[in-house]
């Protein structure tokens, strides 16, 4: 004899409906906002000073290798106080990061971005204070951020 249990079709239907109904029986909790909101780099939004948020835009020069550009982005994201970072993988290789000015500054971020890559340099650096973290982060120096040309 086999050790497998035979389940009747009626019992299978009951189990199916019971498992589908179970999530609706649970008490839904409202998400805690904003203290538990995490920005992409893993920093809790509550740890950022909302009055000291800055946006740093620049162009990465000296490399067009996607792997190198993503490593540069990761180095920026690991910098203490950086909330978000993005680097475009197409020309002009625009980069942007959102950071808390009480925890880091422009020079520290650019130094971290360069890392040990001597060939990297940065151009058109713009640092500005912002009121809140944007939902979508697109560098100012990118093809997507520039207006379309009409012919």
Protein backbone atom coordinates (compact mmCIF):
# COMPACT_ATOMS: atom_id res chain seq x y z
CA UNK A 1 0.00 0.00 0.00
CA UNK A 2 1.11 3.49 -0.74
CA UNK A 3 1.58 6.05 2.02
CA UNK A 4 -0.10 8.81 0.00
CA UNK A 5 -3.40 10.12 1.32
CA UNK A 6 -6.29 10.22 -1.09
CA UNK A 7 -8.25 13.46 -0.96
CA UNK A 8 -11.80 13.45 -2.18
CA UNK A 9 -12.79 16.03 -4.82
CA UNK A 10 -15.14 17.71 -2.35
CA UNK A 11 -12.37 18.06 0.26
CA UNK A 12 -10.03 19.50 -2.40
CA UNK A 13 -12.62 22.15 -3.34
CA UNK A 14 -13.14 23.05 0.34
CA UNK A 15 -9.38 23.39 0.87
CA UNK A 16 -9.08 25.53 -2.25
CA UNK A 17 -11.80 27.95 -1.11
CA UNK A 18 -10.48 28.02 2.46
CA UNK A 19 -6.98 28.93 1.31
CA UNK A 20 -8.33 31.62 -1.05
CA UNK A 21 -10.52 33.15 1.66
CA UNK A 22 -7.85 33.12 4.37
CA UNK A 23 -6.07 36.34 3.31
CA UNK A 24 -9.36 38.26 3.35
CA UNK A 25 -9.99 37.21 6.94
CA UNK A 26 -6.77 38.79 8.17
CA UNK A 27 -6.97 42.27 9.66
CA UNK A 28 -5.45 44.74 7.24
CA UNK A 29 -3.12 47.23 8.86
CA UNK A 30 -2.48 50.67 7.52
CA UNK A 31 1.14 51.11 6.48
CA UNK A 32 3.19 53.24 8.82
CA UNK A 33 4.11 56.36 6.86
CA UNK A 34 6.61 58.02 6.71
CA UNK A 35 8.86 56.42 9.38
CA UNK A 36 8.87 52.98 7.78
CA UNK A 37 9.19 54.18 4.20
CA UNK A 38 12.51 53.17 2.73
CA UNK A 39 14.12 54.88 -0.20
CA UNK A 40 15.88 52.63 -2.76
CA UNK A 41 19.28 52.69 -1.07
CA UNK A 42 17.76 51.22 2.10
CA UNK A 43 17.82 54.38 4.20
CA UNK A 44 14.68 54.95 6.26
CA UNK A 45 13.00 58.18 5.22
CA UNK A 46 12.70 59.11 8.90
CA UNK A 47 16.51 59.22 9.19
CA UNK A 48 16.76 61.97 6.56
CA UNK A 49 16.60 65.62 7.50
CA UNK A 50 13.77 66.85 5.25
CA UNK A 51 15.00 70.44 5.53
CA UNK A 52 18.49 69.52 4.27
CA UNK A 53 17.70 67.46 1.17
CA UNK A 54 19.88 68.21 -1.84
CA UNK A 55 19.95 67.06 -5.45
CA UNK A 56 23.34 66.62 -7.11
CA UNK A 57 23.40 66.37 -10.92
CA UNK A 58 26.54 65.81 -12.99
CA UNK A 59 27.92 64.16 -16.12
CA UNK A 60 30.27 61.17 -15.82
CA UNK A 61 33.21 61.31 -18.23
CA UNK A 62 36.00 58.87 -18.94
CA UNK A 63 33.94 55.69 -19.17
CA UNK A 64 31.13 54.38 -21.33
CA UNK A 65 31.21 50.84 -19.95
CA UNK A 66 27.81 50.00 -18.41
CA UNK A 67 29.43 47.87 -15.71
CA UNK A 68 31.77 50.70 -14.71
CA UNK A 69 28.90 53.21 -14.64
CA UNK A 70 26.78 50.90 -12.47
CA UNK A 71 29.73 50.37 -10.10
CA UNK A 72 30.00 54.16 -9.86
CA UNK A 73 26.28 54.33 -9.01
CA UNK A 74 26.67 51.65 -6.32
CA UNK A 75 29.58 53.55 -4.75
CA UNK A 76 27.39 56.67 -4.59
CA UNK A 77 24.49 54.71 -3.05
CA UNK A 78 26.79 53.33 -0.33
CA UNK A 79 27.79 56.83 0.78
CA UNK A 80 26.29 57.67 4.16
CA UNK A 81 23.44 60.16 3.74
CA UNK A 82 22.68 59.35 0.09
CA UNK A 83 19.02 58.44 -0.36
CA UNK A 84 18.91 57.69 -4.11
CA UNK A 85 21.26 57.60 -7.07
CA UNK A 86 20.90 57.01 -10.80
CA UNK A 87 23.29 57.07 -13.75
CA UNK A 88 22.11 56.96 -17.34
CA UNK A 89 23.74 54.27 -19.47
CA UNK A 90 23.54 56.34 -22.64
CA UNK A 91 25.26 59.56 -23.61
CA UNK A 92 25.81 62.05 -22.06
CA UNK A 93 25.98 59.66 -19.02
CA UNK A 94 24.06 61.96 -16.71
CA UNK A 95 24.10 61.13 -13.02
CA UNK A 96 21.95 62.30 -10.13
CA UNK A 97 21.70 61.63 -6.43
CA UNK A 98 19.52 62.81 -3.59
CA UNK A 99 21.31 63.28 -0.29
CA UNK A 100 20.97 64.66 3.22
CA UNK A 101 23.34 67.65 3.49
CA UNK A 102 23.67 67.14 7.26
CA UNK A 103 25.32 63.73 6.66
CA UNK A 104 27.41 64.23 3.51
CA UNK A 105 28.32 66.80 0.89
CA UNK A 106 28.98 67.19 -2.82
CA UNK A 107 32.74 66.63 -2.56
CA UNK A 108 32.36 63.42 -0.52
CA UNK A 109 29.84 62.03 -3.03
CA UNK A 110 32.03 62.82 -6.04
CA UNK A 111 35.06 61.30 -4.28
CA UNK A 112 33.07 58.13 -3.53
CA UNK A 113 31.76 58.02 -7.10
CA UNK A 114 35.28 58.11 -8.49
CA UNK A 115 36.52 55.38 -6.17
CA UNK A 116 39.71 53.88 -7.57
CA UNK A 117 38.70 54.57 -11.19
CA UNK A 118 41.32 57.14 -12.18
CA UNK A 119 39.83 57.59 -15.64
CA UNK A 120 36.53 58.97 -14.28
CA UNK A 121 35.89 62.69 -14.12
CA UNK A 122 32.78 64.76 -13.57
CA UNK A 123 31.48 67.74 -15.49
CA UNK A 124 28.54 70.17 -15.25
CA UNK A 125 28.11 69.59 -11.50
CA UNK A 126 24.92 71.16 -10.14
CA UNK A 127 23.96 71.02 -6.46
CA UNK A 128 20.59 72.36 -5.34
CA UNK A 129 18.37 72.17 -2.27
CA UNK A 130 15.04 70.36 -2.77
CA UNK A 131 11.85 70.09 -0.71
CA UNK A 132 11.16 66.35 -1.13
CA UNK A 133 12.50 63.17 -2.70
CA UNK A 134 11.19 62.82 -6.27
CA UNK A 135 9.20 59.72 -7.19
CA UNK A 136 11.14 59.20 -10.43
CA UNK A 137 14.78 60.20 -10.51
CA UNK A 138 16.04 61.33 -13.94
CA UNK A 139 19.33 63.21 -14.29
CA UNK A 140 19.10 66.76 -15.65
CA UNK A 141 21.93 65.92 -18.04
CA UNK A 142 20.28 63.14 -20.03
CA UNK A 143 18.51 62.70 -23.35
CA UNK A 144 15.26 61.97 -21.47
CA UNK A 145 15.41 65.23 -19.52
CA UNK A 146 16.05 67.47 -22.54
CA UNK A 147 13.13 68.77 -24.61
CA UNK A 148 12.47 67.09 -27.93
CA UNK A 149 13.56 68.91 -31.06
CA UNK A 150 10.96 69.83 -33.62
CA UNK A 151 11.73 69.71 -37.32
